Amino acid sequence: MYPHHLLSQSFVVLVVLGLIGLVQAGDGCSKANAIRVNALRFRLSVSPSTTDSSTVSSWSKGGGPRGMIPINVANLTNPFSGREYASGNRDNILGTRAYGSGYPYGVSDVTTIKGRPFPHSMWPISWGPGYLGGEEYWGDDIDLIRPGGMLGVVNVSTKDTTKWPNVSSEEVYTMIGDKESLTFMIADLVRICHATPGWPRAFDPVTNSSSSPSSAQPKPQNVIQYYRSSSFALSYSGYNNTFALPSSNPTTNHDSDPLPGLIVNSAFLSCVNDTIRASLPLMDSLPGKKGLSKGAIAGIVIGSVLGAIIVSFWCWAIYIGKK
């Protein structure tokens, strides 16, 4: 049984509402936006109160106003109390190959992600202590309360040479992210890109003792694309981005080495990237503040003035008619 205090002080309370099968036929990755496969939805709560929560949905447009993580709710201290979250949308979901990229707001220091807000509401991946401030998102206690579940990895490859006649057996990518997002995305990629099914496994970039390529852990220098404020990533073991090496003193806006020739024009990679970009779960828009818009207020004022003029004219006409 998990310690009670780890659960009660969590930033997020996840209630998985389930996988909804919404399958629509389509050809090619250019139609990824039109193909809705296995729509995922779960709850993300920013306080111990289940009424203070929003829905995270695949294919969601995101956006909306920003919120703030409550401070000291019911005498419980959240690990990231006081930070802003939300408003990130589908249009700004792409980062670069630099860890800490893809933040639409809240970047004051490119040498660390420590202390940043959560524009897309999900916590960044952590490469462990000492790498660009990601240590505040590292460790079993933090991972236990991570939005979407603990960090994991899953391989992405294909054996369908009919669909992808030029694909190489060495073209094996790895997705890194929270458990719910990984489980959804691999299902989406199986249907849309004819990827080989696979289960997520634990993510541990610090202790990598595996000698098997299929179970090896990705490193920061292997990442070919970050998404959703660096909370999700796609890596390729054959890529070595020297700008991302810890010894290179990387920043969150560093340059990157070119992709290997084997994958630079890969149609399969293009499908994978397009599908993640189109369907990776995002938090739905937070409800805005109640009240009238400026246009509505202006309409009321103008209408009131015109109404007063009409009434005055009508009264004047009646007065003249009686004389």
Protein backbone atom coordinates (compact mmCIF):
# COMPACT_ATOMS: atom_id res chain seq x y z
CA MET A 1 0.00 0.00 0.00
CA TYR A 2 1.32 3.43 -0.88
CA PRO A 3 1.93 5.92 1.98
CA HIS A 4 -1.15 8.05 2.57
CA HIS A 5 0.68 11.36 2.48
CA LEU A 6 1.99 10.72 -1.03
CA LEU A 7 -1.51 10.36 -2.34
CA SER A 8 -3.20 13.11 -0.32
CA GLN A 9 -0.74 15.87 -1.24
CA SER A 10 -0.76 15.14 -4.93
CA PHE A 11 -0.89 17.77 -7.58
CA VAL A 12 -3.09 15.53 -9.64
CA VAL A 13 -5.81 13.03 -8.97
CA LEU A 14 -6.34 10.82 -11.96
CA VAL A 15 -9.62 9.17 -12.68
CA VAL A 16 -9.43 7.25 -15.91
CA LEU A 17 -12.76 7.54 -17.63
CA GLY A 18 -11.79 4.91 -20.18
CA LEU A 19 -10.90 4.28 -23.75
CA ILE A 20 -13.67 5.11 -26.16
CA GLY A 21 -13.41 3.29 -29.46
CA LEU A 22 -13.97 5.81 -32.22
CA VAL A 23 -12.56 4.26 -35.38
CA GLN A 24 -12.94 5.96 -38.71
CA ALA A 25 -11.29 4.57 -41.84
CA GLY A 26 -8.76 6.66 -43.71
CA ASP A 27 -5.67 6.38 -45.92
CA GLY A 28 -2.24 7.81 -45.16
CA CYS A 29 -0.87 10.07 -42.46
CA SER A 30 -2.08 13.22 -44.21
CA LYS A 31 -5.53 12.30 -42.89
CA ALA A 32 -4.39 11.82 -39.29
CA ASN A 33 -6.54 14.73 -38.11
CA ALA A 34 -9.62 13.04 -39.53
CA ILE A 35 -8.98 9.64 -37.97
CA ARG A 36 -10.13 9.33 -34.36
CA VAL A 37 -8.83 6.11 -32.84
CA ASN A 38 -9.27 5.04 -29.21
CA ALA A 39 -10.09 8.47 -27.77
CA LEU A 40 -8.61 8.70 -24.27
CA ARG A 41 -9.98 10.85 -21.45
CA PHE A 42 -8.91 11.21 -17.83
CA ARG A 43 -9.21 13.76 -15.02
CA LEU A 44 -6.45 16.12 -13.91
CA SER A 45 -7.00 17.81 -10.55
CA VAL A 46 -4.85 20.60 -9.16
CA SER A 47 -6.05 20.25 -5.56
CA PRO A 48 -7.36 17.51 -3.27
CA SER A 49 -10.88 18.64 -4.20
CA THR A 50 -12.26 16.60 -7.09
CA THR A 51 -14.44 19.56 -8.05
CA ASP A 52 -11.31 21.55 -8.97
CA SER A 53 -10.37 19.48 -11.99
CA SER A 54 -10.33 19.41 -15.75
CA THR A 55 -10.39 16.74 -18.43
CA VAL A 56 -7.36 15.64 -20.41
CA SER A 57 -8.42 14.35 -23.83
CA SER A 58 -6.76 12.96 -26.90
CA TRP A 59 -7.34 15.10 -29.99
CA SER A 60 -8.28 18.03 -27.69
CA LYS A 61 -7.48 21.52 -28.98
CA GLY A 62 -6.45 22.66 -25.49
CA GLY A 63 -6.09 26.40 -25.02
CA GLY A 64 -8.23 28.62 -22.81
CA PRO A 65 -7.21 30.77 -19.83
CA ARG A 66 -4.36 30.04 -17.45
CA GLY A 67 -4.95 28.71 -13.97
CA MET A 68 -2.87 28.63 -10.80
CA ILE A 69 -2.13 25.63 -8.62
CA PRO A 70 -3.71 26.35 -5.22
CA ILE A 71 -1.51 26.99 -2.20
CA ASN A 72 -2.05 25.09 1.05
CA VAL A 73 -5.45 23.56 0.29
CA ALA A 74 -6.89 21.76 3.34
CA ASN A 75 -3.46 22.05 5.02
CA LEU A 76 -1.88 20.02 2.20
CA THR A 77 1.19 21.40 0.45
CA ASN A 78 1.31 20.55 -3.25
CA PRO A 79 4.82 20.12 -4.69
CA PHE A 80 4.27 22.89 -7.25
CA SER A 81 1.83 25.19 -5.45
CA GLY A 82 1.56 28.70 -6.85
CA ARG A 83 2.65 27.88 -10.38
CA GLU A 84 0.60 28.70 -13.44
CA TYR A 85 -0.74 25.95 -15.66
CA ALA A 86 -2.90 25.45 -18.79
CA SER A 87 -3.62 27.55 -21.93
CA GLY A 88 -1.20 25.54 -24.11
CA ASN A 89 -2.90 24.32 -27.27
CA ARG A 90 -2.53 21.97 -30.21
CA ASP A 91 -0.88 24.68 -32.33
CA ASN A 92 2.06 25.07 -29.91
CA ILE A 93 2.45 21.41 -28.93
CA LEU A 94 5.73 20.97 -30.84
CA GLY A 95 9.08 21.71 -29.25
CA THR A 96 12.48 21.07 -30.81
CA ARG A 97 15.26 18.55 -30.03
CA ALA A 98 16.22 20.57 -26.96
CA TYR A 99 14.97 19.56 -23.51
CA GLY A 100 12.86 22.39 -22.11
CA SER A 101 11.71 23.58 -25.54
CA GLY A 102 8.11 24.13 -26.57
CA TYR A 103 7.02 26.40 -23.71
CA PRO A 104 4.57 29.05 -24.97
CA TYR A 105 5.17 31.07 -21.78
CA GLY A 106 7.16 31.03 -18.54
CA VAL A 107 10.73 30.79 -19.86
CA SER A 108 13.02 33.16 -17.95
CA ASP A 109 16.19 31.05 -17.88
CA VAL A 110 17.34 28.81 -20.74
CA THR A 111 19.84 26.99 -18.51
CA THR A 112 17.15 25.25 -16.43
CA ILE A 113 13.50 24.18 -16.44
CA LYS A 114 13.34 24.40 -12.64
CA GLY A 115 10.49 26.56 -11.37
CA ARG A 116 8.71 26.82 -14.73
CA PRO A 117 4.92 26.74 -15.13
CA PHE A 118 3.00 23.95 -16.87
CA PRO A 119 1.60 25.45 -20.11
CA HIS A 120 0.20 22.09 -21.23
CA SER A 121 -0.61 21.04 -17.63
CA MET A 122 1.59 17.92 -17.74
CA TRP A 123 4.95 17.68 -15.96
CA PRO A 124 8.16 17.58 -18.02
CA ILE A 125 10.12 14.39 -18.49
CA SER A 126 13.09 14.19 -16.13
CA TRP A 127 16.49 12.91 -17.21
CA GLY A 128 17.56 12.66 -13.59
CA PRO A 129 19.54 14.87 -11.22
CA GLY A 130 21.88 17.41 -12.76
CA TYR A 131 20.32 17.72 -16.22
CA LEU A 132 18.86 21.20 -16.85
CA GLY A 133 16.97 21.38 -13.56
CA GLY A 134 14.82 18.31 -14.21
CA GLU A 135 15.60 16.85 -10.79
CA GLU A 136 12.50 18.44 -9.28
CA TYR A 137 10.43 16.06 -11.43
CA TRP A 138 12.61 13.04 -10.61
CA GLY A 139 12.15 10.25 -8.08
CA ASP A 140 9.64 7.59 -7.09
CA ASP A 141 7.61 9.85 -4.78
CA ILE A 142 7.12 12.49 -7.48
CA ASP A 143 6.52 9.94 -10.23
CA LEU A 144 3.77 8.35 -8.14
CA ILE A 145 1.67 11.54 -8.35
CA ARG A 146 2.62 12.54 -11.91
CA PRO A 147 -0.30 13.56 -14.18
CA GLY A 148 -1.06 10.65 -16.50
CA GLY A 149 0.84 8.17 -14.36
CA MET A 150 4.48 7.23 -13.96
CA LEU A 151 7.02 7.82 -16.72
CA GLY A 152 7.61 5.00 -19.15
CA VAL A 153 8.92 4.20 -22.61
CA VAL A 154 7.58 2.16 -25.50
CA ASN A 155 9.22 1.18 -28.80
CA VAL A 156 7.67 2.23 -32.10
CA SER A 157 8.47 0.20 -35.21
CA THR A 158 6.65 -1.49 -38.09
CA LYS A 159 6.83 -4.76 -39.98
CA ASP A 160 4.32 -3.68 -42.62
CA THR A 161 6.52 -3.40 -45.71
CA THR A 162 3.43 -3.17 -47.90
CA LYS A 163 2.40 0.07 -46.24
CA TRP A 164 6.00 1.25 -45.84
CA PRO A 165 8.04 -0.45 -48.62
CA ASN A 166 11.26 1.44 -47.85
CA VAL A 167 11.24 1.04 -44.05
CA SER A 168 14.36 -0.46 -42.47
CA SER A 169 14.40 -3.03 -39.68
CA GLU A 170 16.74 -0.64 -37.87
CA GLU A 171 14.05 2.05 -37.82
CA VAL A 172 12.95 1.63 -34.21
CA TYR A 173 11.90 4.72 -32.27
CA THR A 174 11.09 5.13 -28.59
CA MET A 175 8.35 7.28 -27.09
CA ILE A 176 8.90 8.69 -23.59
CA GLY A 177 6.08 10.03 -21.45
CA ASP A 178 3.41 9.36 -18.84
CA LYS A 179 1.75 5.93 -18.84
CA GLU A 180 -1.68 7.08 -20.03
CA SER A 181 -0.30 9.07 -22.95
CA LEU A 182 2.01 6.21 -23.98
CA THR A 183 -0.77 3.60 -23.84
CA PHE A 184 -3.03 5.78 -25.96
CA MET A 185 -0.37 6.80 -28.50
CA ILE A 186 0.89 3.29 -29.24
CA ALA A 187 -2.72 2.20 -29.89
CA ASP A 188 -3.21 5.19 -32.19
CA LEU A 189 0.02 4.46 -34.06
CA VAL A 190 -0.90 0.80 -34.53
CA ARG A 191 -4.12 1.83 -36.25
CA ILE A 192 -2.92 4.87 -38.19
CA CYS A 193 0.73 4.09 -38.99
CA HIS A 194 0.58 0.27 -38.87
CA ALA A 195 3.10 0.23 -36.01
CA THR A 196 3.87 -2.99 -34.14
CA PRO A 197 1.91 -3.22 -30.84
CA GLY A 198 3.89 -2.99 -27.63
CA TRP A 199 3.50 -2.40 -23.89
CA PRO A 200 5.18 0.49 -22.06
CA ARG A 201 8.02 -0.37 -19.73
CA ALA A 202 9.70 1.56 -16.92
CA PHE A 203 11.76 4.64 -17.75
CA ASP A 204 15.13 4.84 -16.01
CA PRO A 205 17.78 6.88 -17.85
CA VAL A 206 20.10 6.95 -14.83
CA THR A 207 20.72 3.22 -14.38
CA ASN A 208 20.85 1.67 -17.82
CA SER A 209 22.36 -1.79 -17.46
CA SER A 210 20.43 -3.48 -20.27
CA SER A 211 22.47 -5.01 -23.07
CA SER A 212 19.43 -5.59 -25.28
CA PRO A 213 18.72 -2.87 -27.87
CA SER A 214 14.98 -3.51 -27.57
CA SER A 215 14.99 -2.69 -23.85
CA ALA A 216 17.75 -0.07 -23.78
CA GLN A 217 16.88 3.28 -22.22
CA PRO A 218 16.93 6.48 -24.31
CA LYS A 219 19.26 9.38 -23.46
CA PRO A 220 18.79 13.13 -24.00
CA GLN A 221 21.10 13.03 -27.02
CA ASN A 222 18.82 10.46 -28.69
CA VAL A 223 15.70 12.69 -28.72
CA ILE A 224 14.56 13.75 -32.18
CA GLN A 225 11.41 15.61 -31.07
CA TYR A 226 9.91 17.00 -27.84
CA TYR A 227 6.19 17.68 -27.49
CA ARG A 228 3.81 19.31 -25.00
CA SER A 229 6.30 21.47 -23.05
CA SER A 230 8.85 18.62 -22.98
CA SER A 231 6.42 16.27 -21.20
CA PHE A 232 6.57 13.80 -24.11
CA ALA A 233 9.36 12.86 -26.48
CA LEU A 234 10.32 10.67 -29.42
CA SER A 235 13.86 9.28 -29.59
CA TYR A 236 16.01 7.21 -31.94
CA SER A 237 19.01 5.26 -30.63
CA GLY A 238 20.95 5.86 -33.86
CA TYR A 239 20.84 9.63 -33.34
CA ASN A 240 23.54 11.33 -31.27
CA ASN A 241 22.84 15.02 -30.76
CA THR A 242 26.13 16.31 -29.36
CA PHE A 243 24.49 19.62 -28.38
CA ALA A 244 22.33 17.71 -25.85
CA LEU A 245 25.19 15.86 -24.16
CA PRO A 246 25.61 16.77 -20.47
CA SER A 247 29.27 17.52 -21.19
CA SER A 248 28.22 20.17 -23.73
CA ASN A 249 26.48 22.32 -21.10
CA PRO A 250 23.17 22.19 -23.00
CA THR A 251 20.47 24.84 -22.82
CA THR A 252 16.74 24.64 -23.48
CA ASN A 253 17.20 26.40 -26.83
CA HIS A 254 20.38 24.71 -28.08
CA ASP A 255 21.06 23.76 -31.68
CA SER A 256 20.98 20.15 -32.89
CA ASP A 257 22.91 17.85 -35.16
CA PRO A 258 21.25 16.66 -38.40
CA LEU A 259 19.21 13.48 -38.33
CA PRO A 260 20.85 10.30 -39.67
CA GLY A 261 20.35 9.62 -43.37
CA LEU A 262 18.38 6.44 -42.61
CA ILE A 263 15.48 8.38 -41.07
CA VAL A 264 15.75 11.93 -42.39
CA ASN A 265 13.21 11.28 -45.19
CA SER A 266 11.38 8.37 -43.56
CA ALA A 267 7.68 8.24 -44.44
CA PHE A 268 7.04 6.06 -41.38
CA LEU A 269 8.69 8.64 -39.07
CA SER A 270 6.62 11.36 -40.72
CA CYS A 271 3.45 9.42 -39.95
CA VAL A 272 4.49 8.84 -36.33
CA ASN A 273 5.36 12.51 -35.77
CA ASP A 274 2.18 13.79 -37.46
CA THR A 275 0.00 11.44 -35.43
CA ILE A 276 1.58 12.38 -32.10
CA ARG A 277 1.22 16.05 -32.96
CA ALA A 278 -2.45 15.61 -33.88
CA SER A 279 -3.67 13.34 -31.08
CA LEU A 280 -1.37 13.47 -28.03
CA PRO A 281 -3.66 14.06 -25.02
CA LEU A 282 -4.03 17.71 -23.93
CA MET A 283 -5.99 19.28 -21.11
CA ASP A 284 -9.26 20.71 -22.34
CA SER A 285 -9.76 24.45 -22.06
CA LEU A 286 -10.35 25.72 -18.52
CA PRO A 287 -13.69 27.50 -18.08
CA GLY A 288 -13.32 31.26 -18.46
CA LYS A 289 -14.45 33.85 -15.97
CA LYS A 290 -18.14 34.52 -16.02
CA GLY A 291 -19.24 37.92 -17.22
CA LEU A 292 -20.14 39.87 -20.31
CA SER A 293 -17.67 40.44 -23.09
CA LYS A 294 -16.67 43.97 -24.13
CA GLY A 295 -18.78 43.57 -27.25
CA ALA A 296 -21.84 42.56 -25.24
CA ILE A 297 -21.37 45.50 -22.89
CA ALA A 298 -21.01 47.90 -25.83
CA GLY A 299 -24.16 46.44 -27.40
CA ILE A 300 -26.12 46.98 -24.20
CA VAL A 301 -24.91 50.61 -23.92
CA ILE A 302 -25.72 51.40 -27.55
CA GLY A 303 -29.06 49.64 -27.31
CA SER A 304 -29.95 51.55 -24.16
CA VAL A 305 -29.11 54.91 -25.76
CA LEU A 306 -31.07 54.11 -28.91
CA GLY A 307 -33.96 52.87 -26.81
CA ALA A 308 -34.00 56.07 -24.82
CA ILE A 309 -34.00 58.15 -28.02
CA ILE A 310 -36.87 56.13 -29.49
CA VAL A 311 -38.95 56.39 -26.32
CA SER A 312 -38.30 60.15 -26.12
CA PHE A 313 -39.29 60.61 -29.76
CA TRP A 314 -42.45 58.53 -29.25
CA CYS A 315 -43.45 60.58 -26.19
CA TRP A 316 -42.74 63.83 -28.08
CA ALA A 317 -44.92 62.65 -31.00
CA ILE A 318 -47.80 61.85 -28.67
CA TYR A 319 -47.45 65.26 -27.02
CA ILE A 320 -47.51 67.05 -30.38
CA GLY A 321 -50.51 65.02 -31.50
CA LYS A 322 -52.54 66.12 -28.50
CA LYS A 323 -51.94 69.82 -29.12
